[in-house]
Amino acid sequence: RPPPWGGNNTPPPRVLSSGGTVRDPDGLLAFFRGTGKDNRGRTLEMMRDLDHNAMEVIHDYIQWFFPTDEVSRFNMNAPMLSPEIQRVFVEDPVLQQQLRLNLAKFCDFLGLELKRGAGKEIAVSIGPHFQERVEDCWVGMYGGNHNWLRISRVLMCLGRCGMPEEQQAFHACLEELHQRGVNCDSAIIHWRQRAKTVPAFSE
């Protein structure tokens, strides 16, 4: 069925609060608003329904779950989070809430918990099921783990989308894990750099 905006698959430009428009050739905004699908026909809700095993073995959902403006080495069809699309995320709390739900799902996959404190501040803590997730997520093979690359992507995405509170809460938990002896030395330096990411249009 042809999309409602015309006879091809290119979504229409979005209007920014600044008065400009943004092109979204990958359909990221529609995907996050629940009205679009990824290049394989999956919706955001379908991705959120993945269990831990599926999240571990499927490698082309994470680029849609946490888009960035870097070309993926692992998924040639990964969407690009352009500076213009970043600005839409920064200005739209509904989109940010969808990204926050993705973060909660990914934290659970890692054995962590995303919570709000008594003062409504965001916090990420080690979850009661952490030990169940160690083998998949926290044991390095040849000095690394593919989930550590995913963590770098998450930190960058949160920064690009103007969500520093979530970014820093996630990073603080990673630092705690490192201090507790999780052998992620090869990754922690990269995480510290990604935790400094901000929207590209403000750099």
Protein backbone atom coordinates (compact mmCIF):
# COMPACT_ATOMS: atom_id res chain seq x y z
CA ARG A 1 0.00 0.00 0.00
CA PRO A 2 1.50 3.39 -0.93
CA PRO A 3 2.36 5.67 1.99
CA PRO A 4 -0.11 8.49 2.72
CA TRP A 5 2.34 11.19 1.68
CA GLY A 6 2.66 10.05 -1.91
CA GLY A 7 3.70 7.34 -4.27
CA ASN A 8 7.20 6.59 -3.02
CA ASN A 9 8.76 5.57 0.28
CA THR A 10 10.43 8.88 1.09
CA PRO A 11 8.74 10.53 4.10
CA PRO A 12 7.85 14.21 3.81
CA PRO A 13 10.10 16.84 5.38
CA ARG A 14 9.37 17.72 9.00
CA VAL A 15 8.94 21.32 10.05
CA LEU A 16 11.23 22.42 12.88
CA SER A 17 10.34 24.99 15.52
CA SER A 18 13.01 27.16 13.95
CA GLY A 19 10.93 27.22 10.79
CA GLY A 20 13.20 24.98 8.73
CA THR A 21 12.46 21.52 7.41
CA VAL A 22 14.28 18.23 7.91
CA ARG A 23 14.58 15.32 5.54
CA ASP A 24 14.10 11.87 7.01
CA PRO A 25 14.87 9.42 4.19
CA ASP A 26 15.11 6.43 6.54
CA GLY A 27 11.78 7.12 8.22
CA LEU A 28 13.27 7.33 11.70
CA LEU A 29 10.70 9.81 12.99
CA ALA A 30 7.77 7.73 11.79
CA PHE A 31 9.41 4.65 13.27
CA PHE A 32 9.72 6.29 16.69
CA ARG A 33 6.19 7.69 16.48
CA GLY A 34 4.80 4.20 15.91
CA THR A 35 3.59 4.89 12.39
CA GLY A 36 6.54 3.47 10.47
CA LYS A 37 8.71 0.37 10.14
CA ASP A 38 12.38 -0.33 9.67
CA ASN A 39 13.84 -1.62 6.39
CA ARG A 40 12.82 -5.17 7.34
CA GLY A 41 9.22 -4.31 8.17
CA ARG A 42 9.61 -4.32 11.95
CA THR A 43 7.94 -1.76 14.22
CA LEU A 44 9.45 -0.30 17.36
CA GLU A 45 6.99 -2.28 19.48
CA MET A 46 8.06 -5.50 17.75
CA MET A 47 11.65 -4.77 18.70
CA ARG A 48 10.65 -4.06 22.30
CA ASP A 49 9.01 -7.49 22.41
CA LEU A 50 12.33 -9.25 21.72
CA ASP A 51 13.49 -11.48 24.57
CA HIS A 52 17.04 -11.48 25.90
CA ASN A 53 18.17 -14.30 23.63
CA ALA A 54 16.83 -12.56 20.54
CA MET A 55 18.45 -9.28 21.58
CA GLU A 56 21.75 -11.11 21.88
CA VAL A 57 21.72 -12.91 18.54
CA ILE A 58 19.93 -10.37 16.30
CA HIS A 59 22.38 -7.70 15.21
CA ASP A 60 20.38 -5.28 13.07
CA TYR A 61 17.82 -3.91 15.54
CA ILE A 62 20.17 -1.91 17.75
CA GLN A 63 20.87 0.69 15.03
CA TRP A 64 17.12 1.49 14.93
CA PHE A 65 16.69 1.28 18.70
CA PHE A 66 19.53 3.76 19.22
CA PRO A 67 20.33 5.62 15.98
CA THR A 68 23.47 7.72 15.62
CA ASP A 69 25.08 9.87 12.94
CA GLU A 70 27.94 7.41 12.39
CA VAL A 71 27.94 4.88 9.57
CA SER A 72 27.46 1.39 11.02
CA ARG A 73 30.16 -1.15 10.21
CA PHE A 74 27.71 -3.97 10.85
CA ASN A 75 24.48 -2.86 9.17
CA MET A 76 24.60 -1.21 5.78
CA ASN A 77 20.90 -0.34 6.11
CA ALA A 78 21.25 1.44 9.43
CA PRO A 79 19.39 4.77 9.62
CA MET A 80 21.32 8.02 9.98
CA LEU A 81 20.55 10.42 12.81
CA SER A 82 21.34 13.64 10.97
CA PRO A 83 21.79 16.91 12.90
CA GLU A 84 18.35 17.97 11.67
CA ILE A 85 16.72 14.80 13.02
CA GLN A 86 18.67 15.22 16.25
CA ARG A 87 17.07 18.62 16.67
CA VAL A 88 13.61 17.08 16.26
CA PHE A 89 14.40 14.61 19.05
CA VAL A 90 15.75 17.38 21.26
CA GLU A 91 12.56 19.41 20.78
CA ASP A 92 10.05 16.57 21.09
CA PRO A 93 9.49 15.00 24.56
CA VAL A 94 7.32 12.27 22.99
CA LEU A 95 10.23 11.03 20.89
CA GLN A 96 12.55 11.24 23.88
CA GLN A 97 10.13 9.15 25.94
CA GLN A 98 10.23 6.46 23.25
CA LEU A 99 14.01 6.50 23.42
CA ARG A 100 13.79 6.31 27.22
CA LEU A 101 11.64 3.17 26.91
CA ASN A 102 14.29 1.70 24.62
CA LEU A 103 16.92 2.47 27.23
CA ALA A 104 14.89 0.71 29.92
CA LYS A 105 14.61 -2.35 27.68
CA PHE A 106 18.33 -2.38 26.92
CA CYS A 107 19.26 -1.86 30.56
CA ASP A 108 17.15 -4.90 31.47
CA PHE A 109 19.00 -6.88 28.80
CA LEU A 110 22.30 -5.88 30.44
CA GLY A 111 21.10 -6.85 33.91
CA LEU A 112 20.56 -3.24 34.94
CA GLU A 113 17.52 -1.17 35.92
CA LEU A 114 16.44 2.27 34.76
CA LYS A 115 14.47 4.00 37.52
CA ARG A 116 13.30 7.38 38.74
CA GLY A 117 14.31 8.39 42.24
CA ALA A 118 12.14 10.03 44.87
CA GLY A 119 13.00 13.40 43.41
CA LYS A 120 12.12 12.08 39.94
CA GLU A 121 15.76 12.02 38.89
CA ILE A 122 16.84 9.30 36.47
CA ALA A 123 19.05 6.54 37.86
CA VAL A 124 20.52 3.35 36.44
CA SER A 125 21.43 0.64 38.94
CA ILE A 126 22.56 -2.97 38.97
CA GLY A 127 19.47 -5.16 38.76
CA PRO A 128 18.60 -8.27 40.77
CA HIS A 129 19.06 -10.37 37.62
CA PHE A 130 22.54 -9.03 36.86
CA GLN A 131 24.33 -12.36 37.41
CA GLU A 132 22.03 -14.02 34.89
CA ARG A 133 23.25 -11.57 32.25
CA VAL A 134 26.99 -11.70 32.98
CA GLU A 135 27.88 -14.44 30.51
CA ASP A 136 26.26 -12.70 27.55
CA CYS A 137 26.92 -9.08 28.41
CA TRP A 138 29.87 -8.72 30.75
CA VAL A 139 32.40 -11.41 29.88
CA GLY A 140 34.97 -10.24 27.38
CA MET A 141 36.25 -12.58 24.68
CA TYR A 142 39.64 -11.58 23.29
CA GLY A 143 39.35 -8.41 25.34
CA GLY A 144 35.89 -7.33 24.18
CA ASN A 145 32.20 -8.08 23.91
CA HIS A 146 29.88 -6.99 21.09
CA ASN A 147 27.44 -5.64 23.67
CA TRP A 148 30.10 -3.18 24.79
CA LEU A 149 30.01 -1.68 21.29
CA ARG A 150 26.26 -1.42 21.67
CA ILE A 151 26.74 0.42 24.95
CA SER A 152 28.96 2.95 23.17
CA ARG A 153 26.18 3.46 20.62
CA VAL A 154 23.61 4.01 23.37
CA LEU A 155 25.73 6.66 25.09
CA MET A 156 26.24 8.47 21.80
CA CYS A 157 22.57 8.29 20.82
CA LEU A 158 21.41 9.70 24.15
CA GLY A 159 23.84 12.58 23.82
CA ARG A 160 22.89 13.33 20.22
CA CYS A 161 19.19 13.33 21.16
CA GLY A 162 19.63 15.80 24.02
CA MET A 163 19.15 13.38 26.92
CA PRO A 164 22.17 14.10 29.16
CA GLU A 165 20.44 12.98 32.37
CA GLU A 166 19.87 9.48 31.01
CA GLN A 167 23.30 9.46 29.38
CA GLN A 168 25.08 10.34 32.62
CA ALA A 169 23.00 7.96 34.74
CA PHE A 170 23.87 5.11 32.38
CA HIS A 171 27.53 6.09 32.34
CA ALA A 172 27.66 6.31 36.16
CA CYS A 173 26.40 2.72 36.41
CA LEU A 174 29.03 1.57 33.92
CA GLU A 175 31.71 3.23 36.03
CA GLU A 176 30.34 1.46 39.11
CA LEU A 177 30.55 -1.89 37.36
CA HIS A 178 34.13 -1.16 36.37
CA GLN A 179 34.99 -0.24 39.94
CA ARG A 180 33.37 -3.46 41.16
CA GLY A 181 35.72 -5.49 39.02
CA VAL A 182 33.90 -6.07 35.75
CA ASN A 183 36.81 -6.49 33.36
CA CYS A 184 35.76 -3.93 30.76
CA ASP A 185 39.06 -2.02 30.63
CA SER A 186 39.10 -2.14 26.83
CA ALA A 187 35.72 -0.41 26.68
CA ILE A 188 35.60 2.02 29.59
CA ILE A 189 37.81 4.60 27.87
CA HIS A 190 35.47 4.64 24.86
CA TRP A 191 32.42 4.88 27.13
CA ARG A 192 33.90 7.90 28.87
CA GLN A 193 34.35 9.62 25.54
CA ARG A 194 30.86 8.74 24.31
CA ALA A 195 29.39 10.00 27.58
CA LYS A 196 30.56 13.48 26.53
CA THR A 197 28.51 13.41 23.30
CA VAL A 198 26.10 16.29 22.73
CA PRO A 199 23.82 17.14 19.79
CA ALA A 200 25.94 17.69 16.68
CA PHE A 201 24.23 20.98 15.88
CA SER A 202 25.45 22.43 19.19
CA GLU A 203 29.09 21.40 18.87
